[in-house]
Amino acid sequence: MDIKRTILIAALAIVSYVMVLKWNQDYGQAALPNQTAASSTIAPSLPDSTGAGNTNADIPSVNAEAPAEQAPVAVSKDLIRVKTDVLDLAIDPTGGDIVQLTLPKYPRRQDHPEIPFQLFDNGGERVYLAQSGLIGANGPDSRAAGRPIYAAEQKSYQLADGQDQLVVDLKFSDAGVNYIKRFTLKRGEYDLKVSYLIDNQSGQPWTGNMFGQLKRDASSDPSSSTATGTATYLGAALWTSSEPYKKVSMKDMDKGNLKENVNGGWVAWLQHYFVTAWIPEKSDNNFVQTRKDSQGNYIIGYNGPALNVAAGAKAETSSTLYAGPKIQSKLKELSPGLELTVDYGILWFIAQPIFWLLQHIHSLLGNWGWSIIVLTMLIKGLFFPLSAASYRSMARMRAVAPRLAQLKEQFGDDRQKMSQAMMELYKKEKINPLGGCLPILVQMPVFLSLYWVLLESVEMRQAPWMFWITDLSIKDPFFILPIIMGATMFIQQQLNPTPPDPMQAKVMKMMPIIFTFFFLWFPAGLVLYWVVNNCLSIAQQWYITRSIENATKKAAA
């Protein structure tokens, strides 16, 4: 009967494993964009007669009230392509907005490196744009005729080999005022400068304000890589003098509009691994606001201070747009608090040092998997004194297990006398029955912090270790590491004393199985940390247990 039961359990385990593998193969990866969405040309929707497609509908007014309905104008379909070594973007001549942006250095999927990750989109898979313009009394984006239609000398621009900077000028003239909307991009940089050069030849003073905003629909995060839907933050954020990282979720925008005056700062839209942010001049007093447009898109942006240009004079105003991966060192250089968009949660004060140490280890080893292993060994060494004390307590409990069994036989069902006798025995042998919990309790904050480091750090995205582990930021494709983790947890349990309560003992036996299933969808890097940690714990605990048991035998002899 035992052999039949073993065979059935083994067969069930194999079938379950194959089914999970098949499910993971069918549903565990992000879908590739279809041909329409992947097309290099976007066809912006034309406005209808009702004004629903009004090109001014989502442009802010200086007084921050809802913009007045204005006459719609046709939107150009001839997008201006701009390409550097790290950015591939498209600019709509109508308004000069960036309506498409892909990241050539970051493939959408590891098995299709030729398909770059798409950050901005204008109706292919989602609506996600970076908009900017000049509003106010004389601002061309506030005209009743609609937003300005810029002209460019070329339809496409590309950073040439040996060239470190690319400048794209878009030109527009109205009522005697000449405008140049200038995009300045640099090699290897994900931030670009957007400037307005105003040449007032109208004979009248010119007044206007620059605005920058990010518009996005409510679609899901395309960079989310966890099949279980473990969600990192998808929403807006901004900097204020009192709160350097203030989240404004889509639910917050549904409840009402945020309006705040900020000196300098930034406004951003966050998703897994990537962030876009408008960063105005540090000295400017800006009005930051959030709102929704008539199509239900969410908008966060800022209005800059008023710019006055006398007749016959020239002036310039600018802002920085960052659109790319959450690289903390770069974000910190751009603006204070922007690095906090790499959101490690409430344990950020532990996660930040862990990431710093992990990054330095990687600079020596060049492999994130081995870096995690070395980091685990360092953390385990740091906590060894505390862990050793706990292991000694568990070893003493294991050594007195026969005496506990005698007490159970002696007192039978009299639980009160049994508890008193056990406490006297623990006191005599200097045993803390809760001491075995300390290693887990101490490791939990580190475990949770490392979880967010591996989940949030773009450096881990598609980072290989060895063999079948080609991406440490997602689950093990064959679930081998979680199974090894469950096995090491089972072995570790055998070194622990058996709980005196039969029900508790049964629950503890189930824990390796429960944790194995729990870890199936965890990032492979995190499971690797836990496997190495378990192996080191087994070695430490076996050594300490063996030493105490030998000492007990010698004392008894």
Protein backbone atom coordinates (compact mmCIF):
# COMPACT_ATOMS: atom_id res chain seq x y z
CA MET A 1 0.00 0.00 0.00
CA ASP A 2 2.84 2.39 0.89
CA ILE A 3 4.52 1.76 -2.48
CA LYS A 4 1.26 2.44 -4.36
CA ARG A 5 0.72 5.62 -2.39
CA THR A 6 4.26 6.79 -3.11
CA ILE A 7 3.86 6.10 -6.82
CA LEU A 8 0.54 7.98 -6.94
CA ILE A 9 2.00 10.98 -5.09
CA ALA A 10 5.03 11.04 -7.41
CA ALA A 11 2.81 10.77 -10.51
CA LEU A 12 0.55 13.56 -9.24
CA ALA A 13 3.58 15.76 -8.55
CA ILE A 14 4.95 15.18 -12.06
CA VAL A 15 1.59 15.90 -13.73
CA SER A 16 1.15 19.04 -11.63
CA TYR A 17 4.65 20.21 -12.53
CA VAL A 18 4.05 19.69 -16.27
CA MET A 19 0.70 21.50 -16.08
CA VAL A 20 2.28 24.50 -14.34
CA LEU A 21 5.06 24.58 -16.97
CA LYS A 22 2.48 24.54 -19.75
CA TRP A 23 0.45 27.30 -18.12
CA ASN A 24 3.59 29.37 -17.70
CA GLN A 25 4.48 28.85 -21.37
CA ASP A 26 1.03 29.99 -22.54
CA TYR A 27 0.35 32.85 -20.13
CA GLY A 28 3.57 33.67 -18.32
CA GLN A 29 5.04 36.16 -20.83
CA ALA A 30 3.95 39.56 -21.99
CA ALA A 31 2.33 39.58 -25.41
CA LEU A 32 4.21 41.10 -28.30
CA PRO A 33 2.69 44.14 -30.00
CA ASN A 34 0.61 43.52 -33.09
CA GLN A 35 1.60 44.88 -36.46
CA THR A 36 -0.56 47.97 -36.10
CA ALA A 37 0.83 48.86 -32.72
CA ALA A 38 4.39 48.10 -33.76
CA SER A 39 4.17 50.27 -36.84
CA SER A 40 6.71 53.06 -37.01
CA THR A 41 4.02 55.54 -38.02
CA ILE A 42 1.19 56.68 -35.81
CA ALA A 43 -2.01 58.00 -37.28
CA PRO A 44 -3.44 60.44 -34.73
CA SER A 45 -7.21 60.53 -34.63
CA LEU A 46 -8.82 63.49 -36.37
CA PRO A 47 -11.18 65.69 -34.38
CA ASP A 48 -14.87 65.29 -34.93
CA SER A 49 -17.49 67.98 -35.31
CA THR A 50 -18.58 67.68 -31.68
CA GLY A 51 -15.25 68.83 -30.38
CA ALA A 52 -14.39 65.48 -28.72
CA GLY A 53 -11.16 65.46 -30.68
CA ASN A 54 -10.41 69.10 -29.97
CA THR A 55 -6.66 69.54 -30.10
CA ASN A 56 -6.91 72.18 -27.36
CA ALA A 57 -9.12 70.10 -25.07
CA ASP A 58 -6.27 68.91 -22.82
CA ILE A 59 -4.19 72.11 -22.92
CA PRO A 60 -4.16 73.93 -19.56
CA SER A 61 -5.04 77.57 -19.14
CA VAL A 62 -2.95 79.97 -17.12
CA ASN A 63 -5.55 80.27 -14.36
CA ALA A 64 -5.56 76.45 -14.11
CA GLU A 65 -9.27 76.22 -14.81
CA ALA A 66 -10.65 73.81 -17.39
CA PRO A 67 -9.73 74.99 -20.90
CA ALA A 68 -12.47 76.56 -22.94
CA GLU A 69 -13.73 74.66 -25.96
CA GLN A 70 -12.08 75.98 -29.11
CA ALA A 71 -12.40 75.31 -32.79
CA PRO A 72 -10.74 72.00 -33.72
CA VAL A 73 -8.05 71.79 -36.36
CA ALA A 74 -6.85 68.83 -38.36
CA VAL A 75 -3.89 66.97 -36.88
CA SER A 76 -0.94 66.28 -39.13
CA LYS A 77 -0.19 62.65 -39.93
CA ASP A 78 3.41 63.40 -41.01
CA LEU A 79 5.30 62.69 -37.82
CA ILE A 80 8.89 63.80 -37.38
CA ARG A 81 11.19 60.89 -36.49
CA VAL A 82 14.16 61.46 -34.19
CA LYS A 83 16.63 58.72 -33.29
CA THR A 84 19.66 58.53 -31.01
CA ASP A 85 21.53 55.52 -29.69
CA VAL A 86 19.08 55.16 -26.75
CA LEU A 87 15.89 56.91 -27.89
CA ASP A 88 13.64 56.51 -30.92
CA LEU A 89 10.81 59.01 -30.85
CA ALA A 90 8.17 60.65 -33.01
CA ILE A 91 7.06 64.27 -32.77
CA ASP A 92 3.64 65.44 -33.93
CA PRO A 93 4.02 68.74 -35.84
CA THR A 94 0.67 69.80 -34.37
CA GLY A 95 1.75 71.18 -31.02
CA GLY A 96 5.18 69.53 -31.18
CA ASP A 97 4.21 66.79 -28.70
CA ILE A 98 6.21 63.58 -28.37
CA VAL A 99 3.60 60.97 -29.26
CA GLN A 100 5.78 57.89 -29.61
CA LEU A 101 8.97 56.78 -27.91
CA THR A 102 10.76 53.45 -27.82
CA LEU A 103 13.92 52.37 -25.97
CA PRO A 104 16.27 50.44 -28.30
CA LYS A 105 18.53 49.37 -25.39
CA TYR A 106 15.61 47.73 -23.59
CA PRO A 107 13.90 44.93 -25.55
CA ARG A 108 10.27 44.33 -24.82
CA ARG A 109 10.99 40.65 -24.37
CA GLN A 110 14.28 38.87 -23.98
CA ASP A 111 13.46 36.33 -26.67
CA HIS A 112 12.75 39.13 -29.17
CA PRO A 113 15.63 41.63 -28.78
CA GLU A 114 14.70 43.26 -32.08
CA ILE A 115 11.47 44.67 -30.60
CA PRO A 116 12.25 47.64 -28.34
CA PHE A 117 10.16 48.53 -25.34
CA GLN A 118 7.59 51.18 -26.21
CA LEU A 119 7.11 53.89 -23.61
CA PHE A 120 5.00 56.53 -25.41
CA ASP A 121 2.16 55.59 -27.70
CA ASN A 122 -0.75 57.49 -29.25
CA GLY A 123 -3.55 55.00 -29.60
CA GLY A 124 -1.75 51.84 -30.76
CA GLU A 125 -1.82 49.90 -27.50
CA ARG A 126 -2.41 52.84 -25.19
CA VAL A 127 -2.42 56.62 -24.95
CA TYR A 128 0.74 57.95 -23.29
CA LEU A 129 2.18 61.31 -24.44
CA ALA A 130 4.58 64.03 -23.35
CA GLN A 131 3.04 67.38 -24.20
CA SER A 132 4.44 70.89 -23.94
CA GLY A 133 3.65 74.32 -25.28
CA LEU A 134 3.19 78.04 -24.69
CA ILE A 135 -0.05 79.23 -23.18
CA GLY A 136 -1.31 82.52 -21.78
CA ALA A 137 -2.28 85.83 -23.31
CA ASN A 138 -0.14 85.41 -26.44
CA GLY A 139 0.77 81.73 -26.24
CA PRO A 140 0.26 79.96 -29.60
CA ASP A 141 -1.16 76.87 -27.87
CA SER A 142 -4.03 78.97 -26.47
CA ARG A 143 -5.21 80.23 -29.86
CA ALA A 144 -8.84 79.81 -30.81
CA ALA A 145 -7.61 78.29 -34.09
CA GLY A 146 -6.04 75.39 -32.20
CA ARG A 147 -2.49 74.40 -31.48
CA PRO A 148 0.34 75.59 -33.75
CA ILE A 149 1.47 73.39 -36.62
CA TYR A 150 5.25 73.42 -36.69
CA ALA A 151 7.46 72.98 -39.72
CA ALA A 152 10.75 71.07 -39.74
CA GLU A 153 13.51 71.06 -42.34
CA GLN A 154 13.55 67.24 -42.37
CA LYS A 155 11.09 64.45 -41.74
CA SER A 156 13.67 62.42 -39.83
CA TYR A 157 16.76 63.11 -37.75
CA GLN A 158 19.38 60.65 -36.52
CA LEU A 159 22.41 60.99 -34.29
CA ALA A 160 25.37 60.19 -36.55
CA ASP A 161 28.42 58.17 -35.57
CA GLY A 162 30.86 60.40 -33.72
CA GLN A 163 28.15 62.97 -33.02
CA ASP A 164 27.42 63.64 -29.34
CA GLN A 165 24.44 65.96 -29.69
CA LEU A 166 21.41 66.22 -31.94
CA VAL A 167 19.34 69.40 -32.25
CA VAL A 168 15.89 69.37 -33.86
CA ASP A 169 14.24 72.73 -34.55
CA LEU A 170 10.53 73.11 -35.25
CA LYS A 171 9.39 76.54 -36.51
CA PHE A 172 6.13 78.44 -36.39
CA SER A 173 5.14 82.07 -36.98
CA ASP A 174 1.98 83.89 -35.91
CA ALA A 175 1.02 87.57 -35.70
CA GLY A 176 4.58 88.76 -36.19
CA VAL A 177 6.09 86.43 -33.57
CA ASN A 178 8.53 83.72 -34.66
CA TYR A 179 8.77 80.59 -32.54
CA ILE A 180 11.35 77.80 -32.50
CA LYS A 181 10.58 74.70 -30.48
CA ARG A 182 13.97 73.07 -30.01
CA PHE A 183 14.66 69.50 -28.92
CA THR A 184 18.25 68.83 -27.78
CA LEU A 185 19.25 65.19 -27.37
CA LYS A 186 22.62 63.76 -26.30
CA ARG A 187 24.34 60.46 -26.92
CA GLY A 188 23.64 57.88 -24.23
CA GLU A 189 21.19 60.14 -22.37
CA TYR A 190 17.50 59.55 -21.71
CA ASP A 191 16.85 63.17 -20.81
CA LEU A 192 16.28 65.76 -23.52
CA LYS A 193 15.93 69.50 -23.35
CA VAL A 194 12.82 71.16 -24.76
CA SER A 195 13.30 74.87 -25.38
CA TYR A 196 11.19 77.68 -26.81
CA LEU A 197 12.97 80.52 -28.60
CA ILE A 198 10.65 83.49 -29.01
CA ASP A 199 11.46 86.31 -31.46
CA ASN A 200 8.89 89.06 -30.99
CA GLN A 201 8.71 91.15 -34.18
CA SER A 202 5.06 92.06 -33.70
CA GLY A 203 5.54 95.57 -32.35
CA GLN A 204 3.56 94.63 -29.22
CA PRO A 205 4.74 93.07 -25.92
CA TRP A 206 4.39 89.29 -25.78
CA THR A 207 3.31 87.38 -22.66
CA GLY A 208 3.03 83.63 -22.18
CA ASN A 209 3.80 80.62 -19.98
CA MET A 210 5.48 77.35 -20.83
CA PHE A 211 3.69 74.19 -19.74
CA GLY A 212 4.74 70.55 -19.69
CA GLN A 213 2.49 67.60 -18.96
CA LEU A 214 2.19 63.83 -19.22
CA LYS A 215 -1.05 62.29 -20.42
CA ARG A 216 -1.89 58.62 -20.01
CA ASP A 217 -4.95 56.41 -20.19
CA ALA A 218 -5.93 53.85 -17.57
CA SER A 219 -4.47 50.82 -19.39
CA SER A 220 -2.32 48.29 -17.53
CA ASP A 221 1.43 48.49 -17.10
CA PRO A 222 3.16 46.92 -20.14
CA SER A 223 6.44 46.52 -18.26
CA SER A 224 4.94 44.46 -15.44
CA SER A 225 6.70 41.09 -15.60
CA THR A 226 5.06 39.03 -12.86
CA ALA A 227 2.49 36.50 -14.01
CA THR A 228 0.64 36.67 -10.70
CA GLY A 229 -0.01 40.36 -11.22
CA THR A 230 2.20 41.52 -8.34
CA ALA A 231 1.77 45.21 -8.96
CA THR A 232 4.38 47.89 -8.66
CA TYR A 233 3.09 51.44 -8.59
CA LEU A 234 1.48 52.73 -11.78
CA GLY A 235 0.56 56.37 -11.47
CA ALA A 236 1.75 59.93 -11.10
CA ALA A 237 4.12 61.53 -8.61
CA LEU A 238 5.61 64.94 -7.92
CA TRP A 239 8.12 66.77 -5.76
CA THR A 240 7.13 69.35 -3.17
CA SER A 241 9.22 71.19 -0.58
CA SER A 242 7.49 69.28 2.23
CA GLU A 243 7.30 65.90 0.49
CA PRO A 244 10.11 64.98 -1.92
CA TYR A 245 8.14 62.02 -3.33
CA LYS A 246 4.38 62.46 -3.38
CA LYS A 247 2.25 59.87 -5.14
CA VAL A 248 -0.93 60.84 -6.95
CA SER A 249 -2.67 57.68 -8.09
CA MET A 250 -5.34 57.43 -10.76
CA LYS A 251 -7.88 56.88 -7.97
CA ASP A 252 -6.74 60.15 -6.42
CA MET A 253 -7.32 61.91 -9.75
CA ASP A 254 -10.77 60.34 -9.98
CA LYS A 255 -11.64 61.93 -6.65
CA GLY A 256 -10.45 65.42 -7.56
CA ASN A 257 -7.74 67.60 -9.05
CA LEU A 258 -4.51 68.37 -7.25
CA LYS A 259 -3.33 72.00 -7.45
CA GLU A 260 -0.13 73.18 -5.83
CA ASN A 261 2.57 75.82 -6.23
CA VAL A 262 6.09 74.42 -6.26
CA ASN A 263 9.51 75.99 -6.66
CA GLY A 264 11.41 73.91 -9.20
CA GLY A 265 10.62 70.26 -8.55
CA TRP A 266 9.31 67.75 -11.08
CA VAL A 267 6.17 65.92 -12.18
CA ALA A 268 6.37 62.30 -13.26
CA TRP A 269 4.50 59.23 -14.36
CA LEU A 270 5.76 55.93 -12.97
CA GLN A 271 5.50 52.35 -14.11
CA HIS A 272 7.53 49.21 -13.54
CA TYR A 273 11.22 49.87 -14.30
CA PHE A 274 10.55 53.09 -16.28
CA VAL A 275 9.66 56.69 -15.52
CA THR A 276 8.89 59.86 -17.45
CA ALA A 277 9.27 63.26 -15.83
CA TRP A 278 9.10 66.93 -16.68
CA ILE A 279 11.79 68.83 -14.79
CA PRO A 280 11.43 72.62 -15.06
CA GLU A 281 14.12 75.12 -14.11
CA LYS A 282 15.00 74.95 -10.40
CA SER A 283 14.50 78.67 -9.90
CA ASP A 284 11.01 78.78 -11.44
CA ASN A 285 7.84 79.03 -9.39
CA ASN A 286 5.54 76.50 -11.08
CA PHE A 287 1.90 75.65 -10.73
CA VAL A 288 1.46 71.85 -10.62
CA GLN A 289 -1.89 70.24 -11.31
CA THR A 290 -3.58 66.96 -12.13
CA ARG A 291 -6.84 66.43 -14.00
CA LYS A 292 -8.71 64.20 -16.44
CA ASP A 293 -9.66 65.08 -20.00
CA SER A 294 -13.00 64.40 -21.69
CA GLN A 295 -11.75 61.01 -22.95
CA GLY A 296 -10.89 59.87 -19.42
CA ASN A 297 -7.11 60.23 -19.80
CA TYR A 298 -5.11 61.19 -16.72
CA ILE A 299 -2.89 64.29 -16.87
CA ILE A 300 -0.20 65.59 -14.54
CA GLY A 301 1.70 68.70 -15.50
CA TYR A 302 2.97 72.12 -14.58
CA ASN A 303 2.59 75.71 -15.77
CA GLY A 304 5.74 77.80 -15.59
CA PRO A 305 5.97 81.47 -14.57
CA ALA A 306 4.93 84.23 -16.96
CA LEU A 307 7.49 85.18 -19.60
CA ASN A 308 7.41 88.74 -20.93
CA VAL A 309 9.09 89.62 -24.23
CA ALA A 310 9.20 93.24 -25.31
CA ALA A 311 8.55 94.23 -28.91
CA GLY A 312 11.63 93.57 -31.04
CA ALA A 313 13.21 91.43 -28.28
CA LYS A 314 14.02 87.74 -27.99
CA ALA A 315 13.67 85.32 -25.10
CA GLU A 316 14.09 81.65 -24.29
CA THR A 317 12.50 79.26 -21.81
CA SER A 318 13.12 75.54 -21.39
CA SER A 319 12.44 72.38 -19.45
CA THR A 320 13.94 68.88 -19.28
CA LEU A 321 12.04 65.73 -20.18
CA TYR A 322 13.30 62.39 -18.91
CA ALA A 323 11.89 59.27 -20.54
CA GLY A 324 13.65 56.02 -19.79
CA PRO A 325 14.72 53.47 -17.18
CA LYS A 326 14.80 54.15 -13.44
CA ILE A 327 18.55 54.56 -13.09
CA GLN A 328 18.93 56.00 -9.61
CA SER A 329 22.30 57.73 -10.10
CA LYS A 330 21.07 59.55 -13.19
CA LEU A 331 17.72 60.52 -11.70
CA LYS A 332 19.42 61.95 -8.62
CA GLU A 333 21.60 64.14 -10.83
CA LEU A 334 18.60 65.57 -12.66
CA SER A 335 16.59 66.68 -9.65
CA PRO A 336 16.41 66.03 -5.88
CA GLY A 337 13.94 63.32 -4.96
CA LEU A 338 13.58 61.99 -8.50
CA GLU A 339 15.60 58.90 -7.54
CA LEU A 340 12.79 58.04 -5.09
CA THR A 341 10.67 57.01 -8.06
CA VAL A 342 12.59 53.74 -7.67
CA ASP A 343 10.03 52.89 -5.01
CA TYR A 344 11.32 50.42 -2.40
CA GLY A 345 8.33 50.94 -0.12
CA ILE A 346 8.39 51.56 3.62
CA LEU A 347 11.66 49.62 4.05
CA TRP A 348 13.55 51.90 1.65
CA PHE A 349 16.11 52.70 4.38
CA ILE A 350 17.14 49.02 4.33
CA ALA A 351 16.68 48.51 0.58
CA GLN A 352 18.88 51.45 -0.43
CA PRO A 353 22.03 50.11 1.34
CA ILE A 354 21.28 46.62 0.01
CA PHE A 355 21.13 47.95 -3.55
CA TRP A 356 24.30 50.02 -3.00
CA LEU A 357 26.17 46.95 -1.74
CA LEU A 358 24.76 44.72 -4.47
CA GLN A 359 25.78 47.25 -7.11
CA HIS A 360 29.37 47.37 -5.81
CA ILE A 361 29.59 43.59 -5.72
CA HIS A 362 28.33 43.49 -9.31
CA SER A 363 31.01 45.98 -10.36
CA LEU A 364 33.57 43.35 -9.29
CA LEU A 365 31.85 40.16 -10.48
CA GLY A 366 29.92 41.39 -13.53
CA ASN A 367 27.02 38.98 -12.92
CA TRP A 368 23.93 39.80 -10.89
CA GLY A 369 23.27 36.17 -9.95
CA TRP A 370 26.68 35.64 -8.38
CA SER A 371 26.40 39.08 -6.82
CA ILE A 372 23.17 37.99 -5.07
CA ILE A 373 24.96 34.87 -3.78
CA VAL A 374 27.87 36.91 -2.39
CA LEU A 375 25.42 39.43 -0.89
CA THR A 376 23.57 36.56 0.82
CA MET A 377 26.81 35.27 2.30
CA LEU A 378 27.67 38.73 3.63
CA ILE A 379 24.21 39.19 5.17
CA LYS A 380 24.38 35.71 6.68
CA GLY A 381 27.79 36.47 8.14
CA LEU A 382 26.52 39.75 9.58
CA PHE A 383 23.67 38.01 11.40
CA PHE A 384 25.65 34.92 12.39
CA PRO A 385 26.02 35.78 16.11
CA LEU A 386 22.26 36.20 16.49
CA SER A 387 21.51 33.16 14.35
CA ALA A 388 24.03 31.06 16.29
CA ALA A 389 22.30 31.90 19.57
CA SER A 390 18.98 30.82 18.10
CA TYR A 391 20.43 27.63 16.66
CA ARG A 392 21.92 26.79 20.07
CA SER A 393 18.52 27.24 21.65
CA MET A 394 16.95 24.92 19.08
CA ALA A 395 19.76 22.41 19.51
CA ARG A 396 19.20 22.34 23.28
CA MET A 397 15.48 21.80 22.70
CA ARG A 398 16.32 18.94 20.37
CA ALA A 399 18.64 17.48 23.00
CA VAL A 400 15.94 17.56 25.71
CA ALA A 401 13.27 16.14 23.40
CA PRO A 402 13.44 12.67 25.06
CA ARG A 403 12.89 14.27 28.47
CA LEU A 404 9.90 16.20 27.10
CA ALA A 405 8.48 12.91 25.85
CA GLN A 406 8.88 11.46 29.37
CA LEU A 407 7.04 14.43 30.88
CA LYS A 408 4.19 13.89 28.42
CA GLU A 409 3.90 10.27 29.46
CA GLN A 410 4.14 11.24 33.14
CA PHE A 411 1.42 13.90 33.16
CA GLY A 412 -0.78 12.53 30.37
CA ASP A 413 -3.68 14.88 29.61
CA ASP A 414 -3.01 17.27 32.50
CA ARG A 415 -1.93 20.19 30.37
CA GLN A 416 -1.43 22.61 33.25
CA LYS A 417 1.08 20.37 35.05
CA MET A 418 2.68 19.49 31.73
CA SER A 419 3.19 23.20 30.91
CA GLN A 420 4.63 23.90 34.37
CA ALA A 421 7.06 21.00 34.07
CA MET A 422 8.14 22.10 30.59
CA MET A 423 8.78 25.67 31.75
CA GLU A 424 10.85 24.40 34.71
CA LEU A 425 12.86 22.22 32.32
CA TYR A 426 13.41 25.14 29.92
CA LYS A 427 14.51 27.36 32.81
CA LYS A 428 16.88 24.73 34.16
CA GLU A 429 18.46 24.08 30.76
CA LYS A 430 18.45 27.84 29.87
CA ILE A 431 16.30 27.30 26.80
CA ASN A 432 14.19 29.98 25.14
CA PRO A 433 11.35 28.16 23.33
CA LEU A 434 10.84 31.18 21.08
CA GLY A 435 14.54 31.52 20.27
CA GLY A 436 14.20 29.49 17.09
CA CYS A 437 11.92 32.16 15.61
CA LEU A 438 14.54 34.88 15.81
CA PRO A 439 16.46 34.00 12.61
CA ILE A 440 13.28 34.25 10.53
CA LEU A 441 12.11 37.43 12.27
CA VAL A 442 15.48 39.10 11.77
CA GLN A 443 15.67 38.07 8.12
CA MET A 444 12.14 39.16 7.19
CA PRO A 445 12.90 42.92 6.84
CA VAL A 446 15.99 42.06 4.79
CA PHE A 447 13.98 39.58 2.75
CA LEU A 448 11.23 42.09 2.03
CA SER A 449 13.74 44.83 1.22
CA LEU A 450 15.65 42.59 -1.18
CA TYR A 451 12.31 41.59 -2.73
CA TRP A 452 11.65 45.23 -3.65
CA VAL A 453 15.25 45.75 -4.78
CA LEU A 454 14.97 42.85 -7.21
CA LEU A 455 11.45 43.86 -8.25
CA GLU A 456 12.07 47.60 -8.73
CA SER A 457 15.68 47.87 -9.93
CA VAL A 458 15.81 48.08 -13.71
CA GLU A 459 19.38 46.73 -13.54
CA MET A 460 17.85 43.32 -12.78
CA ARG A 461 15.54 43.43 -15.79
CA GLN A 462 16.52 40.63 -18.19
CA ALA A 463 19.77 40.10 -16.24
CA PRO A 464 20.99 36.48 -16.66
CA TRP A 465 22.67 34.28 -14.10
CA MET A 466 23.56 30.91 -15.67
CA PHE A 467 21.99 27.94 -17.41
CA TRP A 468 18.20 28.29 -17.62
CA ILE A 469 18.04 31.46 -15.46
CA THR A 470 18.21 34.15 -18.13
CA ASP A 471 16.23 36.81 -16.27
CA LEU A 472 16.60 37.24 -12.51
CA SER A 473 13.70 39.70 -12.32
CA ILE A 474 11.03 37.15 -13.26
CA LYS A 475 10.10 33.69 -12.07
CA ASP A 476 12.19 30.60 -12.79
CA PRO A 477 10.76 29.31 -16.12
CA PHE A 478 11.09 25.68 -14.98
CA PHE A 479 10.42 26.34 -11.26
CA ILE A 480 13.58 24.45 -10.32
CA LEU A 481 14.83 27.02 -7.82
CA PRO A 482 11.51 27.07 -5.88
CA ILE A 483 11.59 23.27 -5.70
CA ILE A 484 15.18 23.36 -4.40
CA MET A 485 14.10 26.03 -1.92
CA GLY A 486 11.30 23.75 -0.67
CA ALA A 487 13.74 20.85 -0.33
CA THR A 488 16.24 22.93 1.67
CA MET A 489 13.42 24.14 3.89
CA PHE A 490 12.39 20.52 4.53
CA ILE A 491 15.99 19.58 5.41
CA GLN A 492 16.22 22.56 7.74
CA GLN A 493 13.05 21.43 9.47
CA GLN A 494 14.61 18.05 10.22
CA LEU A 495 17.28 19.84 12.23
CA ASN A 496 14.69 21.64 14.32
CA PRO A 497 13.08 20.09 17.42
CA THR A 498 9.68 18.50 16.83
CA PRO A 499 6.87 20.69 18.24
CA PRO A 500 5.19 19.03 21.23
CA ASP A 501 1.73 19.82 19.84
CA PRO A 502 0.77 17.20 17.17
CA MET A 503 -1.34 19.70 15.21
CA GLN A 504 1.53 22.20 15.17
CA ALA A 505 3.86 19.45 14.01
CA LYS A 506 1.55 18.64 11.09
CA VAL A 507 1.33 22.32 10.12
CA MET A 508 5.12 22.63 10.20
CA LYS A 509 5.45 19.62 7.90
CA MET A 510 3.20 21.37 5.38
CA MET A 511 5.22 24.61 5.43
CA PRO A 512 7.85 23.54 2.84
CA ILE A 513 5.07 22.61 0.39
CA ILE A 514 3.17 25.83 1.02
CA PHE A 515 6.29 27.98 0.64
CA THR A 516 7.30 26.13 -2.52
CA PHE A 517 4.02 27.07 -4.22
CA PHE A 518 4.26 30.56 -2.76
CA PHE A 519 7.73 31.03 -4.29
CA LEU A 520 6.85 29.65 -7.73
CA TRP A 521 6.11 33.14 -9.10
CA PHE A 522 8.68 35.09 -7.13
CA PRO A 523 11.59 36.68 -9.05
CA ALA A 524 14.31 34.08 -9.64
CA GLY A 525 16.88 36.37 -7.99
CA LEU A 526 14.87 36.43 -4.77
CA VAL A 527 14.42 32.64 -4.75
CA LEU A 528 18.17 32.30 -5.39
CA TYR A 529 18.81 34.43 -2.31
CA TRP A 530 16.49 32.25 -0.22
CA VAL A 531 18.04 28.99 -1.48
CA VAL A 532 21.56 30.16 -0.65
CA ASN A 533 20.36 31.48 2.69
CA ASN A 534 18.74 28.12 3.51
CA CYS A 535 21.87 26.20 2.54
CA LEU A 536 24.05 28.39 4.75
CA SER A 537 21.52 28.06 7.59
CA ILE A 538 21.57 24.27 7.25
CA ALA A 539 25.37 24.22 7.43
CA GLN A 540 25.44 26.53 10.44
CA GLN A 541 22.64 24.75 12.26
CA TRP A 542 24.04 21.27 11.59
CA TYR A 543 27.44 22.28 12.93
CA ILE A 544 26.03 23.90 16.08
CA THR A 545 23.54 21.08 16.72
CA ARG A 546 26.23 18.44 16.31
CA SER A 547 28.57 20.30 18.69
CA ILE A 548 25.92 20.61 21.41
CA GLU A 549 24.75 17.00 21.04
CA ASN A 550 28.35 15.76 21.32
CA ALA A 551 28.86 17.93 24.39
CA THR A 552 25.64 16.56 25.92
CA LYS A 553 26.74 12.96 25.31
CA LYS A 554 30.12 13.59 26.92
CA ALA A 555 28.47 15.21 29.95
CA ALA A 556 26.11 12.25 30.30
CA ALA A 557 29.00 9.79 30.08
